[in-house]
PDB file of N, CA and C in Angstrom:
ATOM      1  N   MET A   1       0.820  -1.183   0.000  1.00  0.00           N
ATOM      2  CA  MET A   1       0.000   0.000   0.000  1.00  0.00           C
ATOM      3  C   MET A   1       0.871   1.257   0.000  1.00  0.00           C
ATOM      4  N   LYS A   2       1.964   1.218   0.780  1.00  0.00           N
ATOM      5  CA  LYS A   2       2.802   2.405   0.869  1.00  0.00           C
ATOM      6  C   LYS A   2       3.478   2.721  -0.458  1.00  0.00           C
ATOM      7  N   SER A   3       3.826   1.675  -1.215  1.00  0.00           N
ATOM      8  CA  SER A   3       4.465   1.927  -2.513  1.00  0.00           C
ATOM      9  C   SER A   3       3.468   2.543  -3.499  1.00  0.00           C
ATOM     10  N   LYS A   4       2.213   2.136  -3.428  1.00  0.00           N
ATOM     11  CA  LYS A   4       1.196   2.729  -4.303  1.00  0.00           C
ATOM     12  C   LYS A   4       0.994   4.206  -3.975  1.00  0.00           C
ATOM     13  N   ILE A   5       1.026   4.526  -2.699  1.00  0.00           N
ATOM     14  CA  ILE A   5       0.858   5.925  -2.287  1.00  0.00           C
ATOM     15  C   ILE A   5       2.049   6.752  -2.747  1.00  0.00           C
ATOM     16  N   PHE A   6       3.258   6.202  -2.588  1.00  0.00           N
ATOM     17  CA  PHE A   6       4.462   6.909  -3.030  1.00  0.00           C
ATOM     18  C   PHE A   6       4.440   7.117  -4.540  1.00  0.00           C
ATOM     19  N   ILE A   7       4.021   6.102  -5.289  1.00  0.00           N
ATOM     20  CA  ILE A   7       3.942   6.213  -6.751  1.00  0.00           C
ATOM     21  C   ILE A   7       2.893   7.251  -7.144  1.00  0.00           C
ATOM     22  N   SER A   8       1.789   7.334  -6.399  1.00  0.00           N
ATOM     23  CA  SER A   8       0.788   8.367  -6.675  1.00  0.00           C
ATOM     24  C   SER A   8       1.367   9.757  -6.447  1.00  0.00           C
ATOM     25  N   GLY A   9       2.117   9.916  -5.366  1.00  0.00           N
ATOM     26  CA  GLY A   9       2.774  11.192  -5.106  1.00  0.00           C
ATOM     27  C   GLY A   9       3.810  11.516  -6.162  1.00  0.00           C
ATOM     28  N   LEU A  10       4.517  10.493  -6.634  1.00  0.00           N
ATOM     29  CA  LEU A  10       5.486  10.678  -7.713  1.00  0.00           C
ATOM     30  C   LEU A  10       4.789  11.099  -8.998  1.00  0.00           C
ATOM     31  N   GLY A  11       3.608  10.543  -9.244  1.00  0.00           N
ATOM     32  CA  GLY A  11       2.834  10.942 -10.415  1.00  0.00           C
ATOM     33  C   GLY A  11       2.416  12.395 -10.358  1.00  0.00           C
ATOM     34  N   VAL A  12       2.032  12.860  -9.177  1.00  0.00           N
ATOM     35  CA  VAL A  12       1.660  14.272  -9.019  1.00  0.00           C
ATOM     36  C   VAL A  12       2.875  15.162  -9.266  1.00  0.00           C
ATOM     37  N   ALA A  13       4.041  14.737  -8.758  1.00  0.00           N
ATOM     38  CA  ALA A  13       5.261  15.522  -8.965  1.00  0.00           C
ATOM     39  C   ALA A  13       5.632  15.557 -10.448  1.00  0.00           C
ATOM     40  N   ILE A  14       5.462  14.450 -11.140  1.00  0.00           N
ATOM     41  CA  ILE A  14       5.775  14.405 -12.579  1.00  0.00           C
ATOM     42  C   ILE A  14       4.809  15.292 -13.357  1.00  0.00           C
ATOM     43  N   ILE A  15       3.543  15.299 -12.961  1.00  0.00           N
ATOM     44  CA  ILE A  15       2.582  16.197 -13.609  1.00  0.00           C
ATOM     45  C   ILE A  15       3.009  17.647 -13.420  1.00  0.00           C
ATOM     46  N   GLY A  16       3.499  17.991 -12.230  1.00  0.00           N
ATOM     47  CA  GLY A  16       4.001  19.341 -11.987  1.00  0.00           C
ATOM     48  C   GLY A  16       5.188  19.686 -12.869  1.00  0.00           C
ATOM     49  N   ILE A  17       6.085  18.721 -13.076  1.00  0.00           N
ATOM     50  CA  ILE A  17       7.241  18.947 -13.950  1.00  0.00           C
ATOM     51  C   ILE A  17       6.784  19.166 -15.390  1.00  0.00           C
ATOM     52  N   ILE A  18       5.876  18.329 -15.852  1.00  0.00           N
ATOM     53  CA  ILE A  18       5.394  18.446 -17.234  1.00  0.00           C
ATOM     54  C   ILE A  18       4.683  19.782 -17.449  1.00  0.00           C
ATOM     55  N   LEU A  19       3.825  20.156 -16.512  1.00  0.00           N
ATOM     56  CA  LEU A  19       3.141  21.449 -16.637  1.00  0.00           C
ATOM     57  C   LEU A  19       4.136  22.598 -16.595  1.00  0.00           C
ATOM     58  N   GLY A  20       5.150  22.487 -15.741  1.00  0.00           N
ATOM     59  CA  GLY A  20       6.167  23.529 -15.668  1.00  0.00           C
ATOM     60  C   GLY A  20       6.977  23.640 -16.942  1.00  0.00           C
ATOM     61  N   LEU A  21       7.223  22.503 -17.607  1.00  0.00           N
ATOM     62  CA  LEU A  21       7.952  22.547 -18.876  1.00  0.00           C
ATOM     63  C   LEU A  21       7.109  23.181 -19.978  1.00  0.00           C
ATOM     64  N   PHE A  22       5.808  22.927 -19.950  1.00  0.00           N
ATOM     65  CA  PHE A  22       4.935  23.563 -20.948  1.00  0.00           C
ATOM     66  C   PHE A  22       4.819  25.063 -20.705  1.00  0.00           C
ATOM     67  N   ILE A  23       4.735  25.456 -19.444  1.00  0.00           N
ATOM     68  CA  ILE A  23       4.621  26.870 -19.112  1.00  0.00           C
ATOM     69  C   ILE A  23       5.986  27.552 -19.179  1.00  0.00           C
ATOM     70  N   GLN A  24       7.049  26.761 -19.044  1.00  0.00           N
ATOM     71  CA  GLN A  24       8.442  27.206 -19.149  1.00  0.00           C
ATOM     72  C   GLN A  24       8.843  28.169 -18.047  1.00  0.00           C
ATOM     73  N   THR A  25       8.444  27.857 -16.828  1.00  0.00           N
ATOM     74  CA  THR A  25       8.913  28.629 -15.684  1.00  0.00           C
ATOM     75  C   THR A  25       9.257  27.680 -14.540  1.00  0.00           C
ATOM     76  N   GLU A  26      10.386  27.927 -13.895  1.00  0.00           N
ATOM     77  CA  GLU A  26      10.748  27.146 -12.723  1.00  0.00           C
ATOM     78  C   GLU A  26       9.872  27.520 -11.531  1.00  0.00           C
ATOM     79  N   LYS A  27       9.428  28.747 -11.503  1.00  0.00           N
ATOM     80  CA  LYS A  27       8.600  29.225 -10.398  1.00  0.00           C
ATOM     81  C   LYS A  27       7.305  28.432 -10.305  1.00  0.00           C
ATOM     82  N   PHE A  28       6.734  28.052 -11.443  1.00  0.00           N
ATOM     83  CA  PHE A  28       5.503  27.266 -11.420  1.00  0.00           C
ATOM     84  C   PHE A  28       5.765  25.901 -10.793  1.00  0.00           C
ATOM     85  N   ILE A  29       6.894  25.297 -11.130  1.00  0.00           N
ATOM     86  CA  ILE A  29       7.213  23.989 -10.571  1.00  0.00           C
ATOM     87  C   ILE A  29       7.394  24.102  -9.054  1.00  0.00           C
ATOM     88  N   GLN A  30       8.057  25.165  -8.614  1.00  0.00           N
ATOM     89  CA  GLN A  30       8.218  25.369  -7.173  1.00  0.00           C
ATOM     90  C   GLN A  30       6.876  25.561  -6.478  1.00  0.00           C
ATOM     91  N   ASP A  31       6.029  26.396  -7.052  1.00  0.00           N
ATOM     92  CA  ASP A  31       4.720  26.645  -6.446  1.00  0.00           C
ATOM     93  C   ASP A  31       3.861  25.384  -6.435  1.00  0.00           C
ATOM     94  N   PHE A  32       3.855  24.674  -7.555  1.00  0.00           N
ATOM     95  CA  PHE A  32       3.056  23.451  -7.653  1.00  0.00           C
ATOM     96  C   PHE A  32       3.525  22.416  -6.638  1.00  0.00           C
ATOM     97  N   SER A  33       4.847  22.223  -6.552  1.00  0.00           N
ATOM     98  CA  SER A  33       5.361  21.225  -5.614  1.00  0.00           C
ATOM     99  C   SER A  33       5.165  21.675  -4.170  1.00  0.00           C
ATOM    100  N   MET A  34       5.237  22.975  -3.918  1.00  0.00           N
ATOM    101  CA  MET A  34       5.024  23.471  -2.564  1.00  0.00           C
ATOM    102  C   MET A  34       3.584  23.196  -2.114  1.00  0.00           C
ATOM    103  N   PHE A  35       2.623  23.460  -2.984  1.00  0.00           N
ATOM    104  CA  PHE A  35       1.230  23.223  -2.611  1.00  0.00           C
ATOM    105  C   PHE A  35       0.888  21.733  -2.600  1.00  0.00           C
ATOM    106  N   SER A  36       1.444  20.960  -3.550  1.00  0.00           N
ATOM    107  CA  SER A  36       1.132  19.535  -3.568  1.00  0.00           C
ATOM    108  C   SER A  36       1.819  18.786  -2.435  1.00  0.00           C
ATOM    109  N   ALA A  37       2.799  19.398  -1.786  1.00  0.00           N
ATOM    110  CA  ALA A  37       3.397  18.812  -0.586  1.00  0.00           C
ATOM    111  C   ALA A  37       2.828  19.446   0.676  1.00  0.00           C
ATOM    112  N   GLY A  38       2.558  20.734   0.633  1.00  0.00           N
ATOM    113  CA  GLY A  38       2.114  21.444   1.824  1.00  0.00           C
ATOM    114  C   GLY A  38       0.730  21.057   2.300  1.00  0.00           C
ATOM    115  N   ILE A  39      -0.179  20.868   1.372  1.00  0.00           N
ATOM    116  CA  ILE A  39      -1.547  20.526   1.757  1.00  0.00           C
ATOM    117  C   ILE A  39      -1.617  19.146   2.422  1.00  0.00           C
ATOM    118  N   PRO A  40      -1.013  18.091   1.828  1.00  0.00           N
ATOM    119  CA  PRO A  40      -1.029  16.800   2.539  1.00  0.00           C
ATOM    120  C   PRO A  40      -0.284  16.842   3.876  1.00  0.00           C
ATOM    121  N   LEU A  41       0.809  17.616   3.953  1.00  0.00           N
ATOM    122  CA  LEU A  41       1.536  17.721   5.220  1.00  0.00           C
ATOM    123  C   LEU A  41       0.688  18.413   6.287  1.00  0.00           C
ATOM    124  N   LEU A  42      -0.042  19.431   5.897  1.00  0.00           N
ATOM    125  CA  LEU A  42      -0.910  20.132   6.842  1.00  0.00           C
ATOM    126  C   LEU A  42      -2.023  19.214   7.340  1.00  0.00           C
ATOM    127  N   ILE A  43      -2.647  18.481   6.439  1.00  0.00           N
ATOM    128  CA  ILE A  43      -3.708  17.558   6.841  1.00  0.00           C
ATOM    129  C   ILE A  43      -3.141  16.455   7.730  1.00  0.00           C
ATOM    130  N   SER A  44      -1.940  15.963   7.393  1.00  0.00           N
ATOM    131  CA  SER A  44      -1.291  14.943   8.212  1.00  0.00           C
ATOM    132  C   SER A  44      -0.995  15.467   9.611  1.00  0.00           C
ATOM    133  N   ALA A  45      -0.521  16.701   9.696  1.00  0.00           N
ATOM    134  CA  ALA A  45      -0.234  17.291  11.010  1.00  0.00           C
ATOM    135  C   ALA A  45      -1.513  17.452  11.826  1.00  0.00           C
ATOM    136  N   ILE A  46      -2.602  17.793  11.173  1.00  0.00           N
ATOM    137  CA  ILE A  46      -3.882  17.922  11.878  1.00  0.00           C
ATOM    138  C   ILE A  46      -4.341  16.563  12.383  1.00  0.00           C
ATOM    139  N   LEU A  47      -4.193  15.532  11.557  1.00  0.00           N
ATOM    140  CA  LEU A  47      -4.620  14.194  11.957  1.00  0.00           C
ATOM    141  C   LEU A  47      -3.793  13.638  13.112  1.00  0.00           C
ATOM    142  N   VAL A  48      -2.510  13.951  13.129  1.00  0.00           N
ATOM    143  CA  VAL A  48      -1.652  13.470  14.206  1.00  0.00           C
ATOM    144  C   VAL A  48      -1.930  14.227  15.495  1.00  0.00           C
ATOM    145  N   GLY A  49      -2.352  15.472  15.392  1.00  0.00           N
ATOM    146  CA  GLY A  49      -2.640  16.278  16.562  1.00  0.00           C
ATOM    147  C   GLY A  49      -1.503  17.199  16.928  1.00  0.00           C
ATOM    148  N   THR A  50      -0.748  17.622  15.948  1.00  0.00           N
ATOM    149  CA  THR A  50       0.398  18.489  16.191  1.00  0.00           C
ATOM    150  C   THR A  50      -0.011  19.838  16.753  1.00  0.00           C
ATOM    151  N   PHE A  51      -1.133  20.354  16.337  1.00  0.00           N
ATOM    152  CA  PHE A  51      -1.552  21.702  16.722  1.00  0.00           C
ATOM    153  C   PHE A  51      -2.425  21.720  17.973  1.00  0.00           C
ATOM    154  N   VAL A  52      -2.418  20.628  18.726  1.00  0.00           N
ATOM    155  CA  VAL A  52      -3.246  20.505  19.918  1.00  0.00           C
ATOM    156  C   VAL A  52      -2.323  20.448  21.135  1.00  0.00           C
ATOM    157  N   SER A  53      -2.748  21.054  22.235  1.00  0.00           N
ATOM    158  CA  SER A  53      -1.924  21.048  23.447  1.00  0.00           C
ATOM    159  C   SER A  53      -1.885  19.653  24.067  1.00  0.00           C
ATOM    160  N   GLY A  54      -0.976  19.471  24.994  1.00  0.00           N
ATOM    161  CA  GLY A  54      -0.793  18.169  25.631  1.00  0.00           C
ATOM    162  C   GLY A  54      -2.000  17.693  26.409  1.00  0.00           C
ATOM    163  N   ASP A  55      -2.715  18.622  27.045  1.00  0.00           N
ATOM    164  CA  ASP A  55      -3.901  18.233  27.809  1.00  0.00           C
ATOM    165  C   ASP A  55      -4.981  17.663  26.898  1.00  0.00           C
ATOM    166  N   ARG A  56      -5.175  18.309  25.773  1.00  0.00           N
ATOM    167  CA  ARG A  56      -6.198  17.818  24.834  1.00  0.00           C
ATOM    168  C   ARG A  56      -5.778  16.497  24.216  1.00  0.00           C
ATOM    169  N   THR A  57      -4.496  16.351  23.930  1.00  0.00           N
ATOM    170  CA  THR A  57      -4.011  15.095  23.360  1.00  0.00           C
ATOM    171  C   THR A  57      -4.243  13.947  24.333  1.00  0.00           C
ATOM    172  N   ARG A  58      -3.949  14.181  25.601  1.00  0.00           N
ATOM    173  CA  ARG A  58      -4.151  13.145  26.613  1.00  0.00           C
ATOM    174  C   ARG A  58      -5.634  12.805  26.739  1.00  0.00           C
ATOM    175  N   ALA A  59      -6.489  13.810  26.737  1.00  0.00           N
ATOM    176  CA  ALA A  59      -7.927  13.561  26.853  1.00  0.00           C
ATOM    177  C   ALA A  59      -8.454  12.824  25.633  1.00  0.00           C
ATOM    178  N   ASN A  60      -7.959  13.213  24.450  1.00  0.00           N
ATOM    179  CA  ASN A  60      -8.414  12.542  23.233  1.00  0.00           C
ATOM    180  C   ASN A  60      -7.941  11.093  23.189  1.00  0.00           C
ATOM    181  N   SER A  61      -6.710  10.829  23.611  1.00  0.00           N
ATOM    182  CA  SER A  61      -6.214   9.453  23.572  1.00  0.00           C
ATOM    183  C   SER A  61      -6.928   8.586  24.609  1.00  0.00           C
ATOM    184  N   TYR A  62      -7.373   9.194  25.694  1.00  0.00           N
ATOM    185  CA  TYR A  62      -8.121   8.448  26.711  1.00  0.00           C
ATOM    186  C   TYR A  62      -9.498   8.050  26.182  1.00  0.00           C
ATOM    187  N   ASN A  63     -10.150   8.926  25.440  1.00  0.00           N
ATOM    188  CA  ASN A  63     -11.510   8.671  24.959  1.00  0.00           C
ATOM    189  C   ASN A  63     -11.565   7.975  23.613  1.00  0.00           C
ATOM    190  N   GLU A  64     -10.449   7.903  22.909  1.00  0.00           N
ATOM    191  CA  GLU A  64     -10.439   7.368  21.543  1.00  0.00           C
ATOM    192  C   GLU A  64     -10.184   5.862  21.559  1.00  0.00           C
ATOM    193  N   HIS A  65     -10.885   5.147  20.702  1.00  0.00           N
ATOM    194  CA  HIS A  65     -10.661   3.713  20.562  1.00  0.00           C
ATOM    195  C   HIS A  65      -9.373   3.473  19.786  1.00  0.00           C
ATOM    196  N   SER A  66      -8.743   2.362  20.031  1.00  0.00           N
ATOM    197  CA  SER A  66      -7.470   2.067  19.365  1.00  0.00           C
ATOM    198  C   SER A  66      -7.661   1.900  17.852  1.00  0.00           C
ATOM    199  N   GLU A  67      -8.823   1.390  17.434  1.00  0.00           N
ATOM    200  CA  GLU A  67      -9.083   1.235  15.997  1.00  0.00           C
ATOM    201  C   GLU A  67      -9.157   2.598  15.311  1.00  0.00           C
ATOM    202  N   ASP A  68      -9.811   3.546  15.960  1.00  0.00           N
ATOM    203  CA  ASP A  68      -9.918   4.893  15.397  1.00  0.00           C
ATOM    204  C   ASP A  68      -8.555   5.576  15.344  1.00  0.00           C
ATOM    205  N   ARG A  69      -7.767   5.398  16.404  1.00  0.00           N
ATOM    206  CA  ARG A  69      -6.437   5.991  16.445  1.00  0.00           C
ATOM    207  C   ARG A  69      -5.550   5.397  15.350  1.00  0.00           C
ATOM    208  N   ASN A  70      -5.623   4.081  15.179  1.00  0.00           N
ATOM    209  CA  ASN A  70      -4.822   3.435  14.132  1.00  0.00           C
ATOM    210  C   ASN A  70      -5.232   3.903  12.740  1.00  0.00           C
ATOM    211  N   LEU A  71      -6.524   4.078  12.508  1.00  0.00           N
ATOM    212  CA  LEU A  71      -7.005   4.567  11.216  1.00  0.00           C
ATOM    213  C   LEU A  71      -6.525   5.998  10.971  1.00  0.00           C
ATOM    214  N   ARG A  72      -6.596   6.836  11.994  1.00  0.00           N
ATOM    215  CA  ARG A  72      -6.158   8.231  11.884  1.00  0.00           C
ATOM    216  C   ARG A  72      -4.661   8.310  11.594  1.00  0.00           C
ATOM    217  N   LEU A  73      -3.875   7.507  12.302  1.00  0.00           N
ATOM    218  CA  LEU A  73      -2.427   7.520  12.086  1.00  0.00           C
ATOM    219  C   LEU A  73      -2.044   6.893  10.743  1.00  0.00           C
ATOM    220  N   THR A  74      -2.820   5.917  10.279  1.00  0.00           N
ATOM    221  CA  THR A  74      -2.568   5.331   8.961  1.00  0.00           C
ATOM    222  C   THR A  74      -2.775   6.372   7.861  1.00  0.00           C
ATOM    223  N   TRP A  75      -3.842   7.161   7.994  1.00  0.00           N
ATOM    224  CA  TRP A  75      -4.098   8.225   7.021  1.00  0.00           C
ATOM    225  C   TRP A  75      -3.009   9.288   7.074  1.00  0.00           C
ATOM    226  N   ALA A  76      -2.576   9.618   8.279  1.00  0.00           N
ATOM    227  CA  ALA A  76      -1.526  10.626   8.423  1.00  0.00           C
ATOM    228  C   ALA A  76      -0.226  10.149   7.778  1.00  0.00           C
ATOM    229  N   LEU A  77       0.134   8.892   7.988  1.00  0.00           N
ATOM    230  CA  LEU A  77       1.340   8.337   7.379  1.00  0.00           C
ATOM    231  C   LEU A  77       1.207   8.277   5.860  1.00  0.00           C
ATOM    232  N   ALA A  78       0.025   7.919   5.368  1.00  0.00           N
ATOM    233  CA  ALA A  78      -0.195   7.857   3.920  1.00  0.00           C
ATOM    234  C   ALA A  78      -0.040   9.233   3.283  1.00  0.00           C
ATOM    235  N   LEU A  79      -0.559  10.257   3.930  1.00  0.00           N
ATOM    236  CA  LEU A  79      -0.422  11.616   3.390  1.00  0.00           C
ATOM    237  C   LEU A  79       1.031  12.086   3.439  1.00  0.00           C
ATOM    238  N   LEU A  80       1.756  11.693   4.470  1.00  0.00           N
ATOM    239  CA  LEU A  80       3.168  12.042   4.558  1.00  0.00           C
ATOM    240  C   LEU A  80       3.964  11.380   3.439  1.00  0.00           C
ATOM    241  N   ILE A  81       3.707  10.106   3.191  1.00  0.00           N
ATOM    242  CA  ILE A  81       4.396   9.395   2.113  1.00  0.00           C
ATOM    243  C   ILE A  81       4.027   9.986   0.757  1.00  0.00           C
ATOM    244  N   PHE A  82       2.769  10.391   0.590  1.00  0.00           N
ATOM    245  CA  PHE A  82       2.325  11.011  -0.652  1.00  0.00           C
ATOM    246  C   PHE A  82       3.069  12.314  -0.921  1.00  0.00           C
ATOM    247  N   ALA A  83       3.405  13.061   0.124  1.00  0.00           N
ATOM    248  CA  ALA A  83       4.040  14.366  -0.030  1.00  0.00           C
ATOM    249  C   ALA A  83       5.544  14.287  -0.279  1.00  0.00           C
ATOM    250  N   ILE A  84       6.180  13.173   0.000  1.00  0.00           N
ATOM    251  CA  ILE A  84       7.646  13.069  -0.104  1.00  0.00           C
ATOM    252  C   ILE A  84       8.178  13.416  -1.496  1.00  0.00           C
ATOM    253  N   PRO A  85       7.623  12.887  -2.604  1.00  0.00           N
ATOM    254  CA  PRO A  85       8.166  13.269  -3.923  1.00  0.00           C
ATOM    255  C   PRO A  85       8.044  14.763  -4.217  1.00  0.00           C
ATOM    256  N   SER A  86       6.965  15.379  -3.789  1.00  0.00           N
ATOM    257  CA  SER A  86       6.798  16.816  -4.022  1.00  0.00           C
ATOM    258  C   SER A  86       7.774  17.622  -3.170  1.00  0.00           C
ATOM    259  N   ILE A  87       8.062  17.146  -1.971  1.00  0.00           N
ATOM    260  CA  ILE A  87       9.060  17.814  -1.130  1.00  0.00           C
ATOM    261  C   ILE A  87      10.426  17.746  -1.805  1.00  0.00           C
ATOM    262  N   MET A  88      10.774  16.573  -2.325  1.00  0.00           N
ATOM    263  CA  MET A  88      12.063  16.422  -3.007  1.00  0.00           C
ATOM    264  C   MET A  88      12.128  17.298  -4.253  1.00  0.00           C
ATOM    265  N   LEU A  89      11.028  17.388  -4.997  1.00  0.00           N
ATOM    266  CA  LEU A  89      10.990  18.243  -6.180  1.00  0.00           C
ATOM    267  C   LEU A  89      11.149  19.708  -5.797  1.00  0.00           C
ATOM    268  N   PHE A  90      10.502  20.132  -4.728  1.00  0.00           N
ATOM    269  CA  PHE A  90      10.630  21.519  -4.285  1.00  0.00           C
ATOM    270  C   PHE A  90      12.071  21.831  -3.897  1.00  0.00           C
ATOM    271  N   ILE A  91      12.689  20.946  -3.144  1.00  0.00           N
ATOM    272  CA  ILE A  91      14.081  21.166  -2.736  1.00  0.00           C
ATOM    273  C   ILE A  91      14.988  21.223  -3.954  1.00  0.00           C
ATOM    274  N   LEU A  92      14.763  20.338  -4.906  1.00  0.00           N
ATOM    275  CA  LEU A  92      15.578  20.313  -6.121  1.00  0.00           C
ATOM    276  C   LEU A  92      15.424  21.598  -6.922  1.00  0.00           C
ATOM    277  N   THR A  93      14.205  22.064  -7.113  1.00  0.00           N
ATOM    278  CA  THR A  93      14.004  23.292  -7.890  1.00  0.00           C
ATOM    279  C   THR A  93      14.430  24.532  -7.115  1.00  0.00           C
ATOM    280  N   TYR A  94      14.408  24.455  -5.800  1.00  0.00           N
ATOM    281  CA  TYR A  94      14.858  25.589  -4.989  1.00  0.00           C
ATOM    282  C   TYR A  94      16.380  25.720  -5.038  1.00  0.00           C
ATOM    283  N   LEU A  95      17.081  24.603  -5.021  1.00  0.00           N
ATOM    284  CA  LEU A  95      18.532  24.631  -5.023  1.00  0.00           C
ATOM    285  C   LEU A  95      19.141  24.747  -6.413  1.00  0.00           C
ATOM    286  N   MET A  96      18.390  24.407  -7.453  1.00  0.00           N
ATOM    287  CA  MET A  96      18.932  24.398  -8.819  1.00  0.00           C
ATOM    288  C   MET A  96      19.461  25.745  -9.282  1.00  0.00           C
ATOM    289  N   PRO A  97      18.782  26.876  -9.041  1.00  0.00           N
ATOM    290  CA  PRO A  97      19.349  28.151  -9.514  1.00  0.00           C
ATOM    291  C   PRO A  97      20.701  28.469  -8.866  1.00  0.00           C
ATOM    292  N   ASN A  98      20.988  27.911  -7.708  1.00  0.00           N
ATOM    293  CA  ASN A  98      22.245  28.166  -7.037  1.00  0.00           C
ATOM    294  C   ASN A  98      23.416  27.445  -7.696  1.00  0.00           C
ATOM    295  N   PHE A  99      23.129  26.423  -8.494  1.00  0.00           N
ATOM    296  CA  PHE A  99      24.201  25.667  -9.154  1.00  0.00           C
ATOM    297  C   PHE A  99      24.562  26.225 -10.512  1.00  0.00           C
ATOM    298  N   LYS A 100      23.795  27.168 -11.022  1.00  0.00           N
ATOM    299  CA  LYS A 100      24.049  27.703 -12.356  1.00  0.00           C
ATOM    300  C   LYS A 100      25.223  28.656 -12.351  1.00  0.00           C
TER     301      LYS A 100
END
């Protein structure tokens, strides 16, 4: 399952590269990869509970069933894996002008 998610994220990154080549701007590739990585990362952080204080996290883990927690963390991990190719593309396009 994780390889399918990674390949899907790679497909999104490749679509960004192709669109950027047609538009002929590196800035578009950076923006596309930033949003295609940022949105899944933000949703993943929300699912994990990054933006919640420790008291709320403890209360939520006390009231939450283990099946629900596992499903939530599985989705968070899937979104993180999906974002990895776009993160790598963003870093590559960000550093590329420095090598010219």
